[in-house]
Structures are given as C-alpha cells and as structure tokens.
C-alpha cells in the first residue's frame, strides 16, 4: 500500500533547518493552506478500510501536474519549484538561507 498525501498543515517547514543550521521558523504558504492532519488521517483510514492500495488524498490540479512532471520532465519541475521558492523569498524580504 502506498499513501500519497497532498499538502498537510504540519510544522515541517517551521522545523526545517536552514543553510546556516538554524531553525527556519516559518510556515510556508502552501503547507499553511494544506489539509488538517486529523482530516487527512480520517480520509486515509476510510480508504484503507475499503481496501484501496494506492491512496492519493487531497491532490489538487497543481499537485497532479507536479507528480506528472516529476516522472516526465524533472528538470522542468525543478525550474518551476526554484522559481516559486525565489518568488516567495523575495516577497518576504529575504531571510536566512
């Protein structure tokens, strides 16, 4: 069985380690808009009970495109994600790398 969750509102980005070794300390915008962890767990459990083997939960269009790009055009995905990261970083006035 494989569970492929979309974005889940966790503290992963807050606890990420920066290039300098410090704590990032901020919630990234995509994760902040993610599904509540309890709701995700309920949805996954419901699908496990139905006997599903490949479980994709909370996938929006962008997520589906990103997964497709990962396997079919990984360099394009890297470019898109790098662009998104730079745009967010510039919009927030920089910060620790």
C-alpha atoms as a PDB file:
ATOM      1  CA  UNK A   1       0.000   0.000   0.000  1.00  0.00           C
ATOM      2  CA  UNK A   2       1.154   3.491  -0.815  1.00  0.00           C
ATOM      3  CA  UNK A   3      -0.354   6.672   0.650  1.00  0.00           C
ATOM      4  CA  UNK A   4       0.339   9.871  -1.290  1.00  0.00           C
ATOM      5  CA  UNK A   5      -0.957  12.801   0.719  1.00  0.00           C
ATOM      6  CA  UNK A   6      -1.263  16.253  -0.743  1.00  0.00           C
ATOM      7  CA  UNK A   7      -0.236  19.137   1.466  1.00  0.00           C
ATOM      8  CA  UNK A   8      -0.960  18.637   5.158  1.00  0.00           C
ATOM      9  CA  UNK A   9      -0.835  21.536   7.622  1.00  0.00           C
ATOM     10  CA  UNK A  10       2.083  20.390   9.786  1.00  0.00           C
ATOM     11  CA  UNK A  11       5.077  22.116  11.337  1.00  0.00           C
ATOM     12  CA  UNK A  12       7.505  20.609   8.829  1.00  0.00           C
ATOM     13  CA  UNK A  13       8.540  23.930   7.284  1.00  0.00           C
ATOM     14  CA  UNK A  14       8.699  25.642  10.688  1.00  0.00           C
ATOM     15  CA  UNK A  15      11.121  22.992  11.938  1.00  0.00           C
ATOM     16  CA  UNK A  16      13.204  22.825   8.765  1.00  0.00           C
ATOM     17  CA  UNK A  17      16.889  23.566   9.188  1.00  0.00           C
ATOM     18  CA  UNK A  18      18.327  26.500   7.276  1.00  0.00           C
ATOM     19  CA  UNK A  19      21.626  26.567   5.425  1.00  0.00           C
ATOM     20  CA  UNK A  20      23.182  28.231   8.477  1.00  0.00           C
ATOM     21  CA  UNK A  21      21.975  25.444  10.788  1.00  0.00           C
ATOM     22  CA  UNK A  22      19.212  27.474  12.438  1.00  0.00           C
ATOM     23  CA  UNK A  23      15.514  26.772  12.531  1.00  0.00           C
ATOM     24  CA  UNK A  24      13.500  28.152   9.585  1.00  0.00           C
ATOM     25  CA  UNK A  25      10.697  29.072  11.982  1.00  0.00           C
ATOM     26  CA  UNK A  26       8.088  29.953   9.336  1.00  0.00           C
ATOM     27  CA  UNK A  27       5.151  28.139   7.802  1.00  0.00           C
ATOM     28  CA  UNK A  28       5.392  28.133   4.029  1.00  0.00           C
ATOM     29  CA  UNK A  29       2.267  29.323   2.232  1.00  0.00           C
ATOM     30  CA  UNK A  30       1.498  26.013   0.519  1.00  0.00           C
ATOM     31  CA  UNK A  31       1.653  23.993   3.733  1.00  0.00           C
ATOM     32  CA  UNK A  32      -0.406  26.613   5.542  1.00  0.00           C
ATOM     33  CA  UNK A  33      -3.209  26.015   3.031  1.00  0.00           C
ATOM     34  CA  UNK A  34      -2.922  22.236   3.433  1.00  0.00           C
ATOM     35  CA  UNK A  35      -5.420  19.813   4.911  1.00  0.00           C
ATOM     36  CA  UNK A  36      -5.853  19.461   8.652  1.00  0.00           C
ATOM     37  CA  UNK A  37      -3.845  16.412   9.835  1.00  0.00           C
ATOM     38  CA  UNK A  38      -6.867  14.843  11.571  1.00  0.00           C
ATOM     39  CA  UNK A  39      -8.976  15.180   8.413  1.00  0.00           C
ATOM     40  CA  UNK A  40      -6.173  13.622   6.370  1.00  0.00           C
ATOM     41  CA  UNK A  41      -5.920  10.696   8.770  1.00  0.00           C
ATOM     42  CA  UNK A  42      -9.677  10.092   8.601  1.00  0.00           C
ATOM     43  CA  UNK A  43      -9.691  10.128   4.799  1.00  0.00           C
ATOM     44  CA  UNK A  44      -6.740   7.760   4.595  1.00  0.00           C
ATOM     45  CA  UNK A  45      -8.304   5.382   7.128  1.00  0.00           C
ATOM     46  CA  UNK A  46     -11.600   5.315   5.205  1.00  0.00           C
ATOM     47  CA  UNK A  47      -9.761   4.329   2.052  1.00  0.00           C
ATOM     48  CA  UNK A  48      -7.687   1.705   3.866  1.00  0.00           C
ATOM     49  CA  UNK A  49     -10.904   0.167   5.155  1.00  0.00           C
ATOM     50  CA  UNK A  50     -12.191  -0.007   1.555  1.00  0.00           C
ATOM     51  CA  UNK A  51      -9.098  -1.984   0.615  1.00  0.00           C
ATOM     52  CA  UNK A  52      -7.523   0.593  -1.687  1.00  0.00           C
ATOM     53  CA  UNK A  53      -3.837   0.026  -2.382  1.00  0.00           C
ATOM     54  CA  UNK A  54      -2.758   3.355  -3.890  1.00  0.00           C
ATOM     55  CA  UNK A  55      -4.246   6.231  -1.949  1.00  0.00           C
ATOM     56  CA  UNK A  56      -3.981   9.782  -3.288  1.00  0.00           C
ATOM     57  CA  UNK A  57      -5.570  12.221  -0.853  1.00  0.00           C
ATOM     58  CA  UNK A  58      -6.027  15.990  -1.188  1.00  0.00           C
ATOM     59  CA  UNK A  59      -4.451  16.262  -4.624  1.00  0.00           C
ATOM     60  CA  UNK A  60      -5.357  19.434  -6.431  1.00  0.00           C
ATOM     61  CA  UNK A  61      -4.561  20.125 -10.075  1.00  0.00           C
ATOM     62  CA  UNK A  62      -1.135  21.593  -9.275  1.00  0.00           C
ATOM     63  CA  UNK A  63      -0.164  18.502  -7.308  1.00  0.00           C
ATOM     64  CA  UNK A  64      -1.182  16.217 -10.164  1.00  0.00           C
ATOM     65  CA  UNK A  65       0.849  18.308 -12.611  1.00  0.00           C
ATOM     66  CA  UNK A  66       3.874  18.275 -10.278  1.00  0.00           C
ATOM     67  CA  UNK A  67       3.771  14.484  -9.968  1.00  0.00           C
ATOM     68  CA  UNK A  68       3.451  14.132 -13.740  1.00  0.00           C
ATOM     69  CA  UNK A  69       6.409  16.493 -14.248  1.00  0.00           C
ATOM     70  CA  UNK A  70       8.479  14.616 -11.658  1.00  0.00           C
ATOM     71  CA  UNK A  71       8.397  11.499 -13.798  1.00  0.00           C
ATOM     72  CA  UNK A  72       8.213  13.006 -17.284  1.00  0.00           C
ATOM     73  CA  UNK A  73      10.112  16.296 -17.124  1.00  0.00           C
ATOM     74  CA  UNK A  74      12.051  16.542 -13.831  1.00  0.00           C
ATOM     75  CA  UNK A  75      14.169  19.493 -14.995  1.00  0.00           C
ATOM     76  CA  UNK A  76      11.025  21.490 -15.731  1.00  0.00           C
ATOM     77  CA  UNK A  77       9.694  20.670 -12.251  1.00  0.00           C
ATOM     78  CA  UNK A  78      12.988  21.792 -10.711  1.00  0.00           C
ATOM     79  CA  UNK A  79      12.797  25.069 -12.611  1.00  0.00           C
ATOM     80  CA  UNK A  80       9.170  25.666 -11.544  1.00  0.00           C
ATOM     81  CA  UNK A  81       9.868  24.902  -7.874  1.00  0.00           C
ATOM     82  CA  UNK A  82      13.020  27.045  -7.889  1.00  0.00           C
ATOM     83  CA  UNK A  83      11.083  29.928  -9.376  1.00  0.00           C
ATOM     84  CA  UNK A  84       8.335  29.548  -6.760  1.00  0.00           C
ATOM     85  CA  UNK A  85      10.884  29.462  -3.957  1.00  0.00           C
ATOM     86  CA  UNK A  86      12.673  32.586  -5.222  1.00  0.00           C
ATOM     87  CA  UNK A  87       9.383  34.436  -5.642  1.00  0.00           C
ATOM     88  CA  UNK A  88       8.266  33.616  -2.082  1.00  0.00           C
ATOM     89  CA  UNK A  89      11.669  34.535  -0.693  1.00  0.00           C
ATOM     90  CA  UNK A  90      11.685  37.902  -2.459  1.00  0.00           C
ATOM     91  CA  UNK A  91       8.109  38.616  -1.400  1.00  0.00           C
ATOM     92  CA  UNK A  92       9.009  38.086   2.253  1.00  0.00           C
ATOM     93  CA  UNK A  93      12.083  40.286   2.117  1.00  0.00           C
ATOM     94  CA  UNK A  94      14.663  37.521   2.075  1.00  0.00           C
ATOM     95  CA  UNK A  95      15.623  35.875   5.300  1.00  0.00           C
ATOM     96  CA  UNK A  96      18.227  33.416   6.429  1.00  0.00           C
ATOM     97  CA  UNK A  97      19.403  30.955   3.816  1.00  0.00           C
END
